[in-house]
Amino acid sequence: MTILMKIKGDLLAARKSDHQVKKNLLSTLYAETAMLGKNNGNRPVEEITDEETIGVIKKFIKGAEEAHQICETKGRTEQAAIAAQELKILEDYLPAQLSDEFLEQFVKNFLEKSPQQGKQVIGAIMKELKQNYQGQFDGRKVNEIIARLI
């Protein structure tokens, strides 16, 4: 079962249980992900890949994190709580994330073996991670680790 089909099933369950935040979030997430297929070759929903769905989920997570920060700084506790709920819901659809320790060890090993230097090595590390661990890491964390180790 693809991630998108899991989202669809959870959306139906949220509608039945009348869970407002989850229902609204998953409805928007499903619709935006489905639009990927329509906008990209008029593909049916069943042909949308998990990688495409993960990309949309990460975009939603970024938006929810920003909304949470803004609401916290402006003292809007109710909206901040909703954004926190949304983050929790969205993170459940991502594959298990690689630990910081694993990422740091991966970068160290790559730097030891790689003849590349400077910005070229950053691109090479990111390419290797995307090929082997798509959707399982945060690019910002990896960039921080690389900057610290170079």
Protein backbone atom coordinates (compact mmCIF):
# COMPACT_ATOMS: atom_id res chain seq x y z
CA MET A 1 0.00 0.00 0.00
CA THR A 2 1.39 3.40 -0.97
CA ILE A 3 1.61 6.29 1.45
CA LEU A 4 -1.09 8.12 -0.51
CA MET A 5 -3.51 5.22 -0.16
CA LYS A 6 -2.80 5.14 3.60
CA ILE A 7 -3.57 8.87 3.73
CA LYS A 8 -6.83 8.25 1.88
CA GLY A 9 -7.84 5.54 4.34
CA ASP A 10 -6.95 7.71 7.32
CA LEU A 11 -8.90 10.59 5.79
CA LEU A 12 -12.01 8.44 5.58
CA ALA A 13 -11.54 7.35 9.20
CA ALA A 14 -11.06 10.98 10.30
CA ARG A 15 -14.26 11.97 8.52
CA LYS A 16 -16.18 9.20 10.28
CA SER A 17 -14.76 10.09 13.69
CA ASP A 18 -15.21 13.83 13.02
CA HIS A 19 -11.60 14.65 13.95
CA GLN A 20 -11.60 18.20 12.56
CA VAL A 21 -7.84 18.93 12.46
CA LYS A 22 -6.91 15.58 10.95
CA LYS A 23 -9.81 15.68 8.49
CA ASN A 24 -8.89 19.16 7.22
CA LEU A 25 -5.17 18.44 7.02
CA LEU A 26 -5.46 15.06 5.28
CA SER A 27 -8.07 16.38 2.87
CA THR A 28 -5.74 19.16 1.75
CA LEU A 29 -2.71 16.85 1.70
CA TYR A 30 -4.51 14.23 -0.39
CA ALA A 31 -5.84 16.81 -2.85
CA GLU A 32 -2.46 18.48 -3.34
CA THR A 33 -0.69 15.15 -3.81
CA ALA A 34 -3.34 13.99 -6.28
CA MET A 35 -2.78 17.19 -8.26
CA LEU A 36 0.84 16.11 -8.80
CA GLY A 37 -0.36 13.28 -11.01
CA LYS A 38 -2.80 15.44 -12.89
CA ASN A 39 -0.26 18.20 -13.48
CA ASN A 40 2.51 15.78 -14.35
CA GLY A 41 1.23 13.75 -17.29
CA ASN A 42 -2.39 13.38 -16.18
CA ARG A 43 -1.56 10.23 -14.22
CA PRO A 44 -4.15 8.54 -12.02
CA VAL A 45 -3.77 8.74 -8.24
CA GLU A 46 -2.66 5.11 -8.07
CA GLU A 47 0.49 5.95 -10.07
CA ILE A 48 1.76 8.65 -7.71
CA THR A 49 4.96 7.41 -6.10
CA ASP A 50 5.84 7.43 -2.42
CA GLU A 51 8.75 9.78 -3.21
CA GLU A 52 6.35 12.33 -4.68
CA THR A 53 4.03 11.98 -1.69
CA ILE A 54 6.93 12.37 0.76
CA GLY A 55 7.95 15.58 -1.03
CA VAL A 56 4.47 17.04 -0.50
CA ILE A 57 4.41 15.88 3.13
CA LYS A 58 7.77 17.57 3.77
CA LYS A 59 6.41 20.77 2.24
CA PHE A 60 3.43 20.60 4.58
CA ILE A 61 5.72 19.92 7.56
CA LYS A 62 7.80 22.98 6.73
CA GLY A 63 4.63 25.10 6.57
CA ALA A 64 3.33 23.69 9.86
CA GLU A 65 6.68 24.35 11.56
CA GLU A 66 6.65 27.96 10.36
CA ALA A 67 3.03 28.41 11.46
CA HIS A 68 3.85 26.95 14.86
CA GLN A 69 6.81 29.31 15.33
CA ILE A 70 4.83 32.37 14.29
CA CYS A 71 1.88 31.49 16.51
CA GLU A 72 4.17 30.84 19.47
CA THR A 73 5.93 34.20 19.11
CA LYS A 74 2.63 36.07 18.70
CA GLY A 75 1.05 34.34 21.70
CA ARG A 76 -1.62 32.51 19.72
CA THR A 77 -1.64 29.35 21.78
CA GLU A 78 -4.71 27.77 20.17
CA GLN A 79 -3.32 28.07 16.65
CA ALA A 80 0.11 26.91 17.86
CA ALA A 81 -1.52 23.80 19.34
CA ILE A 82 -3.26 23.07 16.05
CA ALA A 83 0.02 23.46 14.15
CA ALA A 84 1.68 21.08 16.65
CA GLN A 85 -1.12 18.54 16.07
CA GLU A 86 -0.62 18.85 12.33
CA LEU A 87 3.12 18.24 12.69
CA LYS A 88 2.48 15.09 14.69
CA ILE A 89 -0.02 13.82 12.11
CA LEU A 90 2.29 14.55 9.17
CA GLU A 91 5.39 12.99 10.73
CA ASP A 92 3.53 9.68 11.05
CA TYR A 93 3.50 9.39 7.25
CA LEU A 94 7.23 9.81 6.78
CA PRO A 95 9.50 6.77 6.75
CA ALA A 96 11.68 6.29 9.82
CA GLN A 97 14.26 9.06 9.84
CA LEU A 98 17.97 8.32 10.06
CA SER A 99 19.58 9.26 13.36
CA ASP A 100 22.00 12.16 13.64
CA GLU A 101 24.70 9.69 14.68
CA PHE A 102 24.16 7.60 11.55
CA LEU A 103 24.24 10.68 9.33
CA GLU A 104 27.42 11.95 10.99
CA GLN A 105 29.13 8.57 10.55
CA PHE A 106 27.96 8.40 6.93
CA VAL A 107 29.44 11.86 6.21
CA LYS A 108 32.72 10.98 7.97
CA ASN A 109 33.07 7.77 5.96
CA PHE A 110 32.25 9.58 2.74
CA LEU A 111 34.78 12.36 3.44
CA GLU A 112 37.51 9.79 4.13
CA LYS A 113 36.90 8.01 0.82
CA SER A 114 36.10 10.98 -1.40
CA PRO A 115 38.73 12.82 -3.43
CA GLN A 116 36.30 15.72 -3.93
CA GLN A 117 36.63 18.93 -1.97
CA GLY A 118 34.50 21.99 -1.16
CA LYS A 119 31.01 22.31 -2.56
CA GLN A 120 31.49 19.32 -4.85
CA VAL A 121 31.64 17.00 -1.86
CA ILE A 122 28.37 18.40 -0.49
CA GLY A 123 26.58 17.57 -3.73
CA ALA A 124 28.14 14.13 -3.87
CA ILE A 125 27.08 13.32 -0.29
CA MET A 126 23.52 14.53 -0.91
CA LYS A 127 23.32 12.51 -4.13
CA GLU A 128 24.50 9.36 -2.36
CA LEU A 129 22.01 9.85 0.49
CA LYS A 130 19.12 10.46 -1.93
CA GLN A 131 19.95 7.32 -3.88
CA ASN A 132 20.12 5.09 -0.81
CA TYR A 133 17.92 6.78 1.82
CA GLN A 134 15.30 8.82 -0.05
CA GLY A 135 12.91 10.54 2.36
CA GLN A 136 14.73 9.29 5.46
CA PHE A 137 16.83 12.34 6.28
CA ASP A 138 16.59 16.08 6.71
CA GLY A 139 18.78 17.94 4.22
CA ARG A 140 19.34 20.82 6.65
CA LYS A 141 20.74 18.44 9.27
CA VAL A 142 23.05 16.87 6.72
CA ASN A 143 24.30 20.31 5.60
CA GLU A 144 24.99 21.24 9.24
CA ILE A 145 26.92 18.02 9.79
CA ILE A 146 28.95 18.52 6.60
CA ALA A 147 29.75 22.14 7.52
CA ARG A 148 30.91 21.03 10.97
CA LEU A 149 33.11 18.21 9.64
CA ILE A 150 34.73 20.01 6.70
